[in-house]
Amino acid sequence: MLTTILIGSTLNAGPTFNTDAIATRHKVQTSSGLSIPAGMFGYMLVQRPRKATLLRLRGIAGQGEVVLRTDQPGKCIRIPIRFVAGDFGGDTFSGHLAEPIIFFIKSRKVARALTRGKDVISDMYDVSAHKADGADIVLQTGLAPSFGFVINPGRNILGDLFGVRSRPVSCLRP
């Protein structure tokens, strides 16, 4: 499966060809409802995260999905993920549902890590709330830049042991 994933292929480009620009040139609409903007390899969505505060500690956790482009026109892949984030911004005792969290994946190295079943830890990548040139991950909604986070491909421990199973989803240019 990795050979057909856009982020793992070379697209038969010469050494002076900008394959990232070609790979992400157009916006695509996915069947899961969100669009992957031009310049991005995919997105992460956690629809119903839980937020909790315990005095100075604040955390958010939930399950969601990552949707990434492939080199096949009209096809993307969907990877189930677990997500956890936190910081020291708490001030009470509370727990409730939080707003959906959406990130855009701008770099090939983040997309490759996720397709290989590797954890993506915010300290290892450039994370920004703006579509800055050097950002690997762009925070869209639901999470402040002060939060550290981990994106873990898979739904449970079996995904960690036997590998994450991605599913194809359609994605078409609007």
C-alpha atoms as a PDB file:
ATOM      1  CA  MET A   1       0.000   0.000   0.000  1.00  0.00           C
ATOM      2  CA  LEU A   2       2.845   2.428   0.765  1.00  0.00           C
ATOM      3  CA  THR A   3       3.970   2.438  -2.865  1.00  0.00           C
ATOM      4  CA  THR A   4       0.675   3.969  -3.974  1.00  0.00           C
ATOM      5  CA  ILE A   5       0.625   6.663  -1.341  1.00  0.00           C
ATOM      6  CA  LEU A   6       1.597   9.997  -2.792  1.00  0.00           C
ATOM      7  CA  ILE A   7       3.768  10.867   0.109  1.00  0.00           C
ATOM      8  CA  GLY A   8       5.880   7.778  -0.380  1.00  0.00           C
ATOM      9  CA  SER A   9       6.396   8.020  -4.131  1.00  0.00           C
ATOM     10  CA  THR A  10       8.729  10.126  -6.213  1.00  0.00           C
ATOM     11  CA  LEU A  11       6.221  10.790  -9.010  1.00  0.00           C
ATOM     12  CA  ASN A  12       9.039  10.041 -11.509  1.00  0.00           C
ATOM     13  CA  ALA A  13      10.232  13.620 -11.197  1.00  0.00           C
ATOM     14  CA  GLY A  14      13.682  14.857 -12.075  1.00  0.00           C
ATOM     15  CA  PRO A  15      15.966  16.331  -9.441  1.00  0.00           C
ATOM     16  CA  THR A  16      14.941  19.939 -10.161  1.00  0.00           C
ATOM     17  CA  PHE A  17      11.192  19.231 -10.122  1.00  0.00           C
ATOM     18  CA  ASN A  18       9.247  20.386  -7.056  1.00  0.00           C
ATOM     19  CA  THR A  19       7.174  17.285  -6.312  1.00  0.00           C
ATOM     20  CA  ASP A  20       5.602  18.807  -3.200  1.00  0.00           C
ATOM     21  CA  ALA A  21       4.118  21.615  -5.309  1.00  0.00           C
ATOM     22  CA  ILE A  22       2.750  19.145  -7.878  1.00  0.00           C
ATOM     23  CA  ALA A  23       1.422  16.784  -5.236  1.00  0.00           C
ATOM     24  CA  THR A  24      -0.533  19.471  -3.446  1.00  0.00           C
ATOM     25  CA  ARG A  25      -1.297  21.922  -6.250  1.00  0.00           C
ATOM     26  CA  HIS A  26      -5.099  21.553  -6.133  1.00  0.00           C
ATOM     27  CA  LYS A  27      -7.678  21.616  -3.379  1.00  0.00           C
ATOM     28  CA  VAL A  28      -9.573  18.312  -3.098  1.00  0.00           C
ATOM     29  CA  GLN A  29     -12.939  17.572  -1.500  1.00  0.00           C
ATOM     30  CA  THR A  30     -12.992  14.342   0.511  1.00  0.00           C
ATOM     31  CA  SER A  31     -15.945  12.035   1.012  1.00  0.00           C
ATOM     32  CA  SER A  32     -15.609  12.519   4.769  1.00  0.00           C
ATOM     33  CA  GLY A  33     -16.779  16.113   4.410  1.00  0.00           C
ATOM     34  CA  LEU A  34     -13.663  18.260   4.715  1.00  0.00           C
ATOM     35  CA  SER A  35     -11.449  19.592   1.950  1.00  0.00           C
ATOM     36  CA  ILE A  36      -7.695  19.266   1.740  1.00  0.00           C
ATOM     37  CA  PRO A  37      -6.527  22.749   0.760  1.00  0.00           C
ATOM     38  CA  ALA A  38      -3.951  23.375  -1.953  1.00  0.00           C
ATOM     39  CA  GLY A  39      -0.461  23.148  -0.476  1.00  0.00           C
ATOM     40  CA  MET A  40      -1.458  20.513   2.113  1.00  0.00           C
ATOM     41  CA  PHE A  41      -0.987  16.737   2.146  1.00  0.00           C
ATOM     42  CA  GLY A  42      -4.012  16.088   4.336  1.00  0.00           C
ATOM     43  CA  TYR A  43      -5.854  16.867   7.541  1.00  0.00           C
ATOM     44  CA  MET A  44      -6.529  15.484  11.003  1.00  0.00           C
ATOM     45  CA  LEU A  45     -10.014  15.655  12.520  1.00  0.00           C
ATOM     46  CA  VAL A  46     -11.052  14.790  16.083  1.00  0.00           C
ATOM     47  CA  GLN A  47     -14.812  15.325  16.009  1.00  0.00           C
ATOM     48  CA  ARG A  48     -15.714  14.883  19.713  1.00  0.00           C
ATOM     49  CA  PRO A  49     -12.689  15.406  21.973  1.00  0.00           C
ATOM     50  CA  ARG A  50     -13.041  15.411  25.758  1.00  0.00           C
ATOM     51  CA  LYS A  51     -11.461  18.257  27.702  1.00  0.00           C
ATOM     52  CA  ALA A  52     -10.529  18.083  31.388  1.00  0.00           C
ATOM     53  CA  THR A  53      -8.865  20.422  33.850  1.00  0.00           C
ATOM     54  CA  LEU A  54      -7.307  19.514  37.159  1.00  0.00           C
ATOM     55  CA  LEU A  55      -5.989  22.597  38.917  1.00  0.00           C
ATOM     56  CA  ARG A  56      -3.024  23.747  36.759  1.00  0.00           C
ATOM     57  CA  LEU A  57      -3.222  20.809  34.313  1.00  0.00           C
ATOM     58  CA  ARG A  58      -5.410  20.950  31.211  1.00  0.00           C
ATOM     59  CA  GLY A  59      -5.854  18.084  28.751  1.00  0.00           C
ATOM     60  CA  ILE A  60      -7.796  17.059  25.655  1.00  0.00           C
ATOM     61  CA  ALA A  61      -8.146  13.531  24.294  1.00  0.00           C
ATOM     62  CA  GLY A  62     -10.175  11.760  21.647  1.00  0.00           C
ATOM     63  CA  GLN A  63     -10.261   9.531  18.609  1.00  0.00           C
ATOM     64  CA  GLY A  64     -10.412  10.762  15.070  1.00  0.00           C
ATOM     65  CA  GLU A  65      -9.011  10.344  11.586  1.00  0.00           C
ATOM     66  CA  VAL A  66      -6.258  11.543   9.323  1.00  0.00           C
ATOM     67  CA  VAL A  67      -7.061  11.815   5.605  1.00  0.00           C
ATOM     68  CA  LEU A  68      -4.093  11.996   3.203  1.00  0.00           C
ATOM     69  CA  ARG A  69      -3.742  12.377  -0.564  1.00  0.00           C
ATOM     70  CA  THR A  70      -2.474   9.490  -2.714  1.00  0.00           C
ATOM     71  CA  ASP A  71      -0.936   9.446  -6.176  1.00  0.00           C
ATOM     72  CA  GLN A  72      -4.148   7.956  -7.598  1.00  0.00           C
ATOM     73  CA  PRO A  73      -6.575  10.605  -8.893  1.00  0.00           C
ATOM     74  CA  GLY A  74      -9.779  10.686  -6.882  1.00  0.00           C
ATOM     75  CA  LYS A  75      -8.371   8.556  -4.030  1.00  0.00           C
ATOM     76  CA  CYS A  76      -7.216   9.467  -0.551  1.00  0.00           C
ATOM     77  CA  ILE A  77      -6.567   7.259   2.467  1.00  0.00           C
ATOM     78  CA  ARG A  78      -8.167   7.461   5.887  1.00  0.00           C
ATOM     79  CA  ILE A  79      -6.146   6.459   8.953  1.00  0.00           C
ATOM     80  CA  PRO A  80      -7.840   6.118  12.366  1.00  0.00           C
ATOM     81  CA  ILE A  81      -5.964   7.935  15.135  1.00  0.00           C
ATOM     82  CA  ARG A  82      -5.895   8.518  18.871  1.00  0.00           C
ATOM     83  CA  PHE A  83      -5.129  12.054  19.985  1.00  0.00           C
ATOM     84  CA  VAL A  84      -3.987  13.524  23.287  1.00  0.00           C
ATOM     85  CA  ALA A  85      -2.901  17.101  24.108  1.00  0.00           C
ATOM     86  CA  GLY A  86      -2.150  19.114  27.201  1.00  0.00           C
ATOM     87  CA  ASP A  87      -0.633  22.166  28.829  1.00  0.00           C
ATOM     88  CA  PHE A  88      -0.408  23.898  32.204  1.00  0.00           C
ATOM     89  CA  GLY A  89      -3.235  26.382  31.596  1.00  0.00           C
ATOM     90  CA  GLY A  90      -5.861  24.902  33.887  1.00  0.00           C
ATOM     91  CA  ASP A  91      -7.426  26.723  36.826  1.00  0.00           C
ATOM     92  CA  THR A  92     -10.384  24.589  38.008  1.00  0.00           C
ATOM     93  CA  PHE A  93     -11.743  21.055  38.198  1.00  0.00           C
ATOM     94  CA  SER A  94     -13.872  20.312  35.123  1.00  0.00           C
ATOM     95  CA  GLY A  95     -14.564  17.901  32.308  1.00  0.00           C
ATOM     96  CA  HIS A  96     -16.675  18.309  29.175  1.00  0.00           C
ATOM     97  CA  LEU A  97     -16.850  17.873  25.407  1.00  0.00           C
ATOM     98  CA  ALA A  98     -14.658  20.313  23.510  1.00  0.00           C
ATOM     99  CA  GLU A  99     -15.008  21.763  20.024  1.00  0.00           C
ATOM    100  CA  PRO A 100     -13.726  19.633  17.109  1.00  0.00           C
ATOM    101  CA  ILE A 101      -9.981  19.753  16.483  1.00  0.00           C
ATOM    102  CA  ILE A 102      -8.750  20.198  12.916  1.00  0.00           C
ATOM    103  CA  PHE A 103      -5.106  20.290  11.796  1.00  0.00           C
ATOM    104  CA  PHE A 104      -3.761  20.508   8.259  1.00  0.00           C
ATOM    105  CA  ILE A 105      -0.709  18.434   7.415  1.00  0.00           C
ATOM    106  CA  LYS A 106       1.602  20.538   5.325  1.00  0.00           C
ATOM    107  CA  SER A 107       4.804  18.478   5.232  1.00  0.00           C
ATOM    108  CA  ARG A 108       5.627  15.227   3.555  1.00  0.00           C
ATOM    109  CA  LYS A 109       7.575  14.003   6.611  1.00  0.00           C
ATOM    110  CA  VAL A 110       4.497  14.208   8.895  1.00  0.00           C
ATOM    111  CA  ALA A 111       2.342  12.419   6.305  1.00  0.00           C
ATOM    112  CA  ARG A 112       4.983   9.677   5.894  1.00  0.00           C
ATOM    113  CA  ALA A 113       5.238   9.160   9.645  1.00  0.00           C
ATOM    114  CA  LEU A 114       1.470   8.707   9.951  1.00  0.00           C
ATOM    115  CA  THR A 115       1.236   6.273   7.027  1.00  0.00           C
ATOM    116  CA  ARG A 116       4.028   4.208   8.580  1.00  0.00           C
ATOM    117  CA  GLY A 117       2.116   4.032  11.871  1.00  0.00           C
ATOM    118  CA  LYS A 118       4.561   6.283  13.748  1.00  0.00           C
ATOM    119  CA  ASP A 119       3.477   8.709  16.458  1.00  0.00           C
ATOM    120  CA  VAL A 120       3.585  12.395  15.575  1.00  0.00           C
ATOM    121  CA  ILE A 121       4.697  14.419  18.607  1.00  0.00           C
ATOM    122  CA  SER A 122       4.344  18.195  18.454  1.00  0.00           C
ATOM    123  CA  ASP A 123       7.866  18.785  19.844  1.00  0.00           C
ATOM    124  CA  MET A 124       9.373  16.963  16.846  1.00  0.00           C
ATOM    125  CA  TYR A 125       7.764  19.182  14.176  1.00  0.00           C
ATOM    126  CA  ASP A 126       7.146  22.839  13.439  1.00  0.00           C
ATOM    127  CA  VAL A 127       3.553  23.532  14.501  1.00  0.00           C
ATOM    128  CA  SER A 128       1.897  26.863  13.742  1.00  0.00           C
ATOM    129  CA  ALA A 129      -1.529  28.457  13.901  1.00  0.00           C
ATOM    130  CA  HIS A 130      -0.694  30.176  10.594  1.00  0.00           C
ATOM    131  CA  LYS A 131       0.091  28.741   7.184  1.00  0.00           C
ATOM    132  CA  ALA A 132       3.707  29.787   7.636  1.00  0.00           C
ATOM    133  CA  ASP A 133       6.205  28.588   5.038  1.00  0.00           C
ATOM    134  CA  GLY A 134       8.128  26.354   7.435  1.00  0.00           C
ATOM    135  CA  ALA A 135       5.195  24.818   9.319  1.00  0.00           C
ATOM    136  CA  ASP A 136       4.794  21.041   9.189  1.00  0.00           C
ATOM    137  CA  ILE A 137       1.381  21.107  10.875  1.00  0.00           C
ATOM    138  CA  VAL A 138      -1.086  24.002  10.749  1.00  0.00           C
ATOM    139  CA  LEU A 139      -3.556  24.293  13.648  1.00  0.00           C
ATOM    140  CA  GLN A 140      -6.974  25.180  12.279  1.00  0.00           C
ATOM    141  CA  THR A 141      -9.520  24.874  15.124  1.00  0.00           C
ATOM    142  CA  GLY A 142      -9.930  23.461  18.602  1.00  0.00           C
ATOM    143  CA  LEU A 143      -6.402  23.695  20.004  1.00  0.00           C
ATOM    144  CA  ALA A 144      -4.274  26.596  21.234  1.00  0.00           C
ATOM    145  CA  PRO A 145      -0.598  26.760  20.196  1.00  0.00           C
ATOM    146  CA  SER A 146       0.390  26.376  23.888  1.00  0.00           C
ATOM    147  CA  PHE A 147      -0.738  22.730  23.875  1.00  0.00           C
ATOM    148  CA  GLY A 148       1.709  19.913  23.256  1.00  0.00           C
ATOM    149  CA  PHE A 149       0.152  16.888  21.531  1.00  0.00           C
ATOM    150  CA  VAL A 150       0.606  13.347  20.238  1.00  0.00           C
ATOM    151  CA  ILE A 151      -1.156  11.879  17.199  1.00  0.00           C
ATOM    152  CA  ASN A 152      -1.078   8.089  17.491  1.00  0.00           C
ATOM    153  CA  PRO A 153      -2.178   6.116  14.379  1.00  0.00           C
ATOM    154  CA  GLY A 154      -4.568   3.287  15.235  1.00  0.00           C
ATOM    155  CA  ARG A 155      -7.583   2.827  17.457  1.00  0.00           C
ATOM    156  CA  ASN A 156      -6.105   0.478  20.071  1.00  0.00           C
ATOM    157  CA  ILE A 157      -3.086  -1.571  21.120  1.00  0.00           C
ATOM    158  CA  LEU A 158      -3.645  -4.049  18.248  1.00  0.00           C
ATOM    159  CA  GLY A 159      -2.869  -1.266  15.778  1.00  0.00           C
ATOM    160  CA  ASP A 160       0.404  -0.709  17.608  1.00  0.00           C
ATOM    161  CA  LEU A 161       1.266  -4.414  17.419  1.00  0.00           C
ATOM    162  CA  PHE A 162       0.073  -5.376  13.933  1.00  0.00           C
ATOM    163  CA  GLY A 163       0.093  -2.081  12.071  1.00  0.00           C
ATOM    164  CA  VAL A 164      -2.589   0.433  11.254  1.00  0.00           C
ATOM    165  CA  ARG A 165      -5.094  -0.368   8.537  1.00  0.00           C
ATOM    166  CA  SER A 166      -5.844   2.557   6.286  1.00  0.00           C
ATOM    167  CA  ARG A 167      -9.043   2.746   4.254  1.00  0.00           C
ATOM    168  CA  PRO A 168      -9.499   4.357   0.848  1.00  0.00           C
ATOM    169  CA  VAL A 169     -11.834   7.364   0.618  1.00  0.00           C
ATOM    170  CA  SER A 170     -12.700   9.411  -2.429  1.00  0.00           C
ATOM    171  CA  CYS A 171     -11.275  12.882  -2.896  1.00  0.00           C
ATOM    172  CA  LEU A 172     -12.013  14.921  -5.974  1.00  0.00           C
ATOM    173  CA  ARG A 173     -11.115  18.356  -7.237  1.00  0.00           C
ATOM    174  CA  PRO A 174     -14.154  20.639  -6.854  1.00  0.00           C
END
